[in-house]
Amino acid sequence: MAHWLQAASQHRAADLNSASAEQLAATLVGVGAAKAQAIIRYRDEVGPFRSVEELEEVKGIGPSVVKRN
């Protein structure tokens, strides 16, 4: 299993398991400051992401956001 997961959007990438909220908001399409904070909160409470699709478990992140990234 990979120790990091990368979400890429038009030549930019962020490691979901180590990126800051600012990096996530700047990199992920459809993710602003509030959703980026929710991603960090989920990561802190549940642990590292095992797949990019797991982002759908974060409140406010749906399949359309995952698909765009």
C-alpha atoms as a PDB file:
ATOM      1  CA  MET A   1       0.000   0.000   0.000  1.00  0.00           C
ATOM      2  CA  ALA A   2       1.265   3.464  -0.855  1.00  0.00           C
ATOM      3  CA  HIS A   3       2.254   5.650   2.059  1.00  0.00           C
ATOM      4  CA  TRP A   4       0.958   8.718   0.262  1.00  0.00           C
ATOM      5  CA  LEU A   5      -1.865   9.502  -2.078  1.00  0.00           C
ATOM      6  CA  GLN A   6      -1.748  12.180  -4.670  1.00  0.00           C
ATOM      7  CA  ALA A   7      -4.662  14.090  -6.068  1.00  0.00           C
ATOM      8  CA  ALA A   8      -3.732  15.871  -9.261  1.00  0.00           C
ATOM      9  CA  SER A   9      -5.459  18.699 -11.026  1.00  0.00           C
ATOM     10  CA  GLN A  10      -4.061  20.089 -14.284  1.00  0.00           C
ATOM     11  CA  HIS A  11      -0.355  19.532 -13.578  1.00  0.00           C
ATOM     12  CA  ARG A  12      -0.627  20.401  -9.883  1.00  0.00           C
ATOM     13  CA  ALA A  13      -0.592  17.750  -7.193  1.00  0.00           C
ATOM     14  CA  ALA A  14      -1.126  17.548  -3.452  1.00  0.00           C
ATOM     15  CA  ASP A  15      -0.401  14.694  -1.092  1.00  0.00           C
ATOM     16  CA  LEU A  16      -3.718  14.138   0.684  1.00  0.00           C
ATOM     17  CA  ASN A  17      -1.944  12.757   3.743  1.00  0.00           C
ATOM     18  CA  SER A  18       0.504  15.604   4.330  1.00  0.00           C
ATOM     19  CA  ALA A  19      -0.665  18.725   2.466  1.00  0.00           C
ATOM     20  CA  SER A  20      -1.770  21.740   4.449  1.00  0.00           C
ATOM     21  CA  ALA A  21      -5.283  23.129   4.122  1.00  0.00           C
ATOM     22  CA  GLU A  22      -3.855  25.981   2.058  1.00  0.00           C
ATOM     23  CA  GLN A  23      -2.160  23.542  -0.342  1.00  0.00           C
ATOM     24  CA  LEU A  24      -5.327  21.456  -0.694  1.00  0.00           C
ATOM     25  CA  ALA A  25      -7.478  24.523  -1.391  1.00  0.00           C
ATOM     26  CA  ALA A  26      -4.991  25.799  -3.983  1.00  0.00           C
ATOM     27  CA  THR A  27      -4.667  22.437  -5.729  1.00  0.00           C
ATOM     28  CA  LEU A  28      -8.026  20.662  -5.638  1.00  0.00           C
ATOM     29  CA  VAL A  29     -10.770  21.841  -8.000  1.00  0.00           C
ATOM     30  CA  GLY A  30     -13.973  22.573  -6.093  1.00  0.00           C
ATOM     31  CA  VAL A  31     -12.232  22.686  -2.702  1.00  0.00           C
ATOM     32  CA  GLY A  32     -11.980  25.979  -0.874  1.00  0.00           C
ATOM     33  CA  ALA A  33     -10.770  26.813   2.603  1.00  0.00           C
ATOM     34  CA  ALA A  34     -13.721  25.250   4.469  1.00  0.00           C
ATOM     35  CA  LYS A  35     -13.622  21.932   2.577  1.00  0.00           C
ATOM     36  CA  ALA A  36      -9.831  21.824   2.885  1.00  0.00           C
ATOM     37  CA  GLN A  37     -10.180  22.200   6.668  1.00  0.00           C
ATOM     38  CA  ALA A  38     -12.759  19.379   6.637  1.00  0.00           C
ATOM     39  CA  ILE A  39     -10.248  17.162   4.789  1.00  0.00           C
ATOM     40  CA  ILE A  40      -7.596  17.912   7.430  1.00  0.00           C
ATOM     41  CA  ARG A  41     -10.090  17.252  10.240  1.00  0.00           C
ATOM     42  CA  TYR A  42     -11.087  13.901   8.681  1.00  0.00           C
ATOM     43  CA  ARG A  43      -7.419  12.958   8.231  1.00  0.00           C
ATOM     44  CA  ASP A  44      -6.663  13.837  11.872  1.00  0.00           C
ATOM     45  CA  GLU A  45      -9.669  11.899  13.204  1.00  0.00           C
ATOM     46  CA  VAL A  46      -9.695   8.832  10.932  1.00  0.00           C
ATOM     47  CA  GLY A  47      -6.082   8.552   9.829  1.00  0.00           C
ATOM     48  CA  PRO A  48      -4.397   8.628   6.448  1.00  0.00           C
ATOM     49  CA  PHE A  49      -6.382   8.368   3.255  1.00  0.00           C
ATOM     50  CA  ARG A  50      -6.110   4.938   1.646  1.00  0.00           C
ATOM     51  CA  SER A  51      -7.554   6.053  -1.687  1.00  0.00           C
ATOM     52  CA  VAL A  52      -8.520   9.270  -3.422  1.00  0.00           C
ATOM     53  CA  GLU A  53     -12.121   8.000  -3.464  1.00  0.00           C
ATOM     54  CA  GLU A  54     -12.092   8.065   0.350  1.00  0.00           C
ATOM     55  CA  LEU A  55     -12.393  11.854   0.025  1.00  0.00           C
ATOM     56  CA  GLU A  56     -16.117  11.213  -0.497  1.00  0.00           C
ATOM     57  CA  GLU A  57     -16.305  10.319   3.208  1.00  0.00           C
ATOM     58  CA  VAL A  58     -15.455  13.936   4.074  1.00  0.00           C
ATOM     59  CA  LYS A  59     -18.536  16.072   4.720  1.00  0.00           C
ATOM     60  CA  GLY A  60     -19.040  18.406   1.782  1.00  0.00           C
ATOM     61  CA  ILE A  61     -16.974  16.361  -0.673  1.00  0.00           C
ATOM     62  CA  GLY A  62     -18.967  14.348  -3.180  1.00  0.00           C
ATOM     63  CA  PRO A  63     -18.235  12.196  -6.193  1.00  0.00           C
ATOM     64  CA  SER A  64     -18.174  15.195  -8.535  1.00  0.00           C
ATOM     65  CA  VAL A  65     -15.300  16.799  -6.607  1.00  0.00           C
ATOM     66  CA  VAL A  66     -13.379  13.521  -6.577  1.00  0.00           C
ATOM     67  CA  LYS A  67     -13.973  13.034 -10.301  1.00  0.00           C
ATOM     68  CA  ARG A  68     -12.651  16.535 -11.122  1.00  0.00           C
ATOM     69  CA  ASN A  69      -9.430  15.802  -9.285  1.00  0.00           C
END
